[in-house]
Amino acid sequence: MALDPRLLEILACPEDKGPLYYLEDEAILYNPRLSRSYSIREDIPVMLIDEANALDAGETARLDARVRSEGIEATFTP
């Protein structure tokens, strides 16, 4: 089940307060500025800084390329 579009319009990174990218099939919300992702468990975003996943350069590059190539839009525009 996908996240509610209304929820996506307001979701922001809890650390830098910036927009995120929703990758539904990977069940994550991705923050390219901090190279981290937030898991989605049972259709609930886990937006705790301590539980964020730090991404290495390779994973960050892969997700950046995917966001660009698939035209994935940010959760909001600052």
C-alpha atoms as a PDB file:
ATOM      1  CA  MET A   1       0.000   0.000   0.000  1.00  0.00           C
ATOM      2  CA  ALA A   2       1.344   3.438  -0.931  1.00  0.00           C
ATOM      3  CA  LEU A   3       1.597   6.340   1.470  1.00  0.00           C
ATOM      4  CA  ASP A   4      -1.261   8.809   1.381  1.00  0.00           C
ATOM      5  CA  PRO A   5      -0.453  11.661  -1.053  1.00  0.00           C
ATOM      6  CA  ARG A   6      -1.647  14.196   1.547  1.00  0.00           C
ATOM      7  CA  LEU A   7       0.905  12.853   4.004  1.00  0.00           C
ATOM      8  CA  LEU A   8       3.665  13.048   1.394  1.00  0.00           C
ATOM      9  CA  GLU A   9       2.885  16.732   0.837  1.00  0.00           C
ATOM     10  CA  ILE A  10       3.915  17.555   4.407  1.00  0.00           C
ATOM     11  CA  LEU A  11       6.651  15.029   5.202  1.00  0.00           C
ATOM     12  CA  ALA A  12      10.036  16.599   5.860  1.00  0.00           C
ATOM     13  CA  CYS A  13      13.339  15.330   7.166  1.00  0.00           C
ATOM     14  CA  PRO A  14      13.269  15.649  10.961  1.00  0.00           C
ATOM     15  CA  GLU A  15      16.889  16.842  11.004  1.00  0.00           C
ATOM     16  CA  ASP A  16      17.249  19.408   8.204  1.00  0.00           C
ATOM     17  CA  LYS A  17      13.496  20.036   7.673  1.00  0.00           C
ATOM     18  CA  GLY A  18      13.943  19.651   3.911  1.00  0.00           C
ATOM     19  CA  PRO A  19      11.971  17.596   1.384  1.00  0.00           C
ATOM     20  CA  LEU A  20      12.344  13.869   0.905  1.00  0.00           C
ATOM     21  CA  TYR A  21      11.939  11.489  -2.032  1.00  0.00           C
ATOM     22  CA  TYR A  22       9.520   8.602  -1.676  1.00  0.00           C
ATOM     23  CA  LEU A  23      10.711   5.346  -3.227  1.00  0.00           C
ATOM     24  CA  GLU A  24       7.652   3.196  -2.752  1.00  0.00           C
ATOM     25  CA  ASP A  25       9.114  -0.096  -3.986  1.00  0.00           C
ATOM     26  CA  GLU A  26      12.099   0.250  -1.627  1.00  0.00           C
ATOM     27  CA  ALA A  27       9.874   1.412   1.267  1.00  0.00           C
ATOM     28  CA  ILE A  28      12.053   4.423   2.047  1.00  0.00           C
ATOM     29  CA  LEU A  29      12.020   8.181   2.190  1.00  0.00           C
ATOM     30  CA  TYR A  30      15.356   9.465   0.875  1.00  0.00           C
ATOM     31  CA  ASN A  31      17.188  12.642   1.878  1.00  0.00           C
ATOM     32  CA  PRO A  32      19.967  13.352  -0.658  1.00  0.00           C
ATOM     33  CA  ARG A  33      21.313  16.332   1.310  1.00  0.00           C
ATOM     34  CA  LEU A  34      22.264  14.183   4.314  1.00  0.00           C
ATOM     35  CA  SER A  35      22.774  10.882   2.423  1.00  0.00           C
ATOM     36  CA  ARG A  36      20.290   9.048   4.582  1.00  0.00           C
ATOM     37  CA  SER A  37      17.001   7.253   4.292  1.00  0.00           C
ATOM     38  CA  TYR A  38      14.065   6.655   6.571  1.00  0.00           C
ATOM     39  CA  SER A  39      12.340   3.276   6.527  1.00  0.00           C
ATOM     40  CA  ILE A  40       8.639   2.764   6.024  1.00  0.00           C
ATOM     41  CA  ARG A  41       7.335  -0.105   8.135  1.00  0.00           C
ATOM     42  CA  GLU A  42       3.778  -1.373   7.792  1.00  0.00           C
ATOM     43  CA  ASP A  43       2.909   1.785   5.813  1.00  0.00           C
ATOM     44  CA  ILE A  44       4.203   4.052   8.608  1.00  0.00           C
ATOM     45  CA  PRO A  45       7.255   6.271   7.988  1.00  0.00           C
ATOM     46  CA  VAL A  46       9.814   5.906  10.777  1.00  0.00           C
ATOM     47  CA  MET A  47      10.950   9.525  11.043  1.00  0.00           C
ATOM     48  CA  LEU A  48      13.323   9.198  13.983  1.00  0.00           C
ATOM     49  CA  ILE A  49      16.815  10.612  13.424  1.00  0.00           C
ATOM     50  CA  ASP A  50      18.366   7.817  15.481  1.00  0.00           C
ATOM     51  CA  GLU A  51      16.753   5.197  13.249  1.00  0.00           C
ATOM     52  CA  ALA A  52      17.711   6.778   9.921  1.00  0.00           C
ATOM     53  CA  ASN A  53      19.958   4.747   7.637  1.00  0.00           C
ATOM     54  CA  ALA A  54      23.277   6.399   6.744  1.00  0.00           C
ATOM     55  CA  LEU A  55      24.038   5.738   3.085  1.00  0.00           C
ATOM     56  CA  ASP A  56      27.465   5.263   1.549  1.00  0.00           C
ATOM     57  CA  ALA A  57      28.532   7.155  -1.572  1.00  0.00           C
ATOM     58  CA  GLY A  58      27.573   4.316  -3.897  1.00  0.00           C
ATOM     59  CA  GLU A  59      24.060   4.001  -2.532  1.00  0.00           C
ATOM     60  CA  THR A  60      23.607   7.772  -2.559  1.00  0.00           C
ATOM     61  CA  ALA A  61      24.704   7.899  -6.217  1.00  0.00           C
ATOM     62  CA  ARG A  62      22.308   5.054  -7.099  1.00  0.00           C
ATOM     63  CA  LEU A  63      19.356   6.752  -5.424  1.00  0.00           C
ATOM     64  CA  ASP A  64      20.243  10.159  -6.923  1.00  0.00           C
ATOM     65  CA  ALA A  65      20.354   8.598 -10.392  1.00  0.00           C
ATOM     66  CA  ARG A  66      17.043   6.845  -9.829  1.00  0.00           C
ATOM     67  CA  VAL A  67      15.331  10.020  -8.602  1.00  0.00           C
ATOM     68  CA  ARG A  68      16.571  11.885 -11.690  1.00  0.00           C
ATOM     69  CA  SER A  69      15.863   9.172 -14.267  1.00  0.00           C
ATOM     70  CA  GLU A  70      12.385   8.364 -12.950  1.00  0.00           C
ATOM     71  CA  GLY A  71      11.434  11.979 -12.300  1.00  0.00           C
ATOM     72  CA  ILE A  72      10.541  11.274  -8.670  1.00  0.00           C
ATOM     73  CA  GLU A  73       9.259  14.484  -7.117  1.00  0.00           C
ATOM     74  CA  ALA A  74      10.155  15.744  -3.681  1.00  0.00           C
ATOM     75  CA  THR A  75       7.575  15.587  -0.916  1.00  0.00           C
ATOM     76  CA  PHE A  76       7.260  19.374  -1.085  1.00  0.00           C
ATOM     77  CA  THR A  77       8.996  22.379  -2.609  1.00  0.00           C
ATOM     78  CA  PRO A  78      10.656  24.673  -0.084  1.00  0.00           C
END
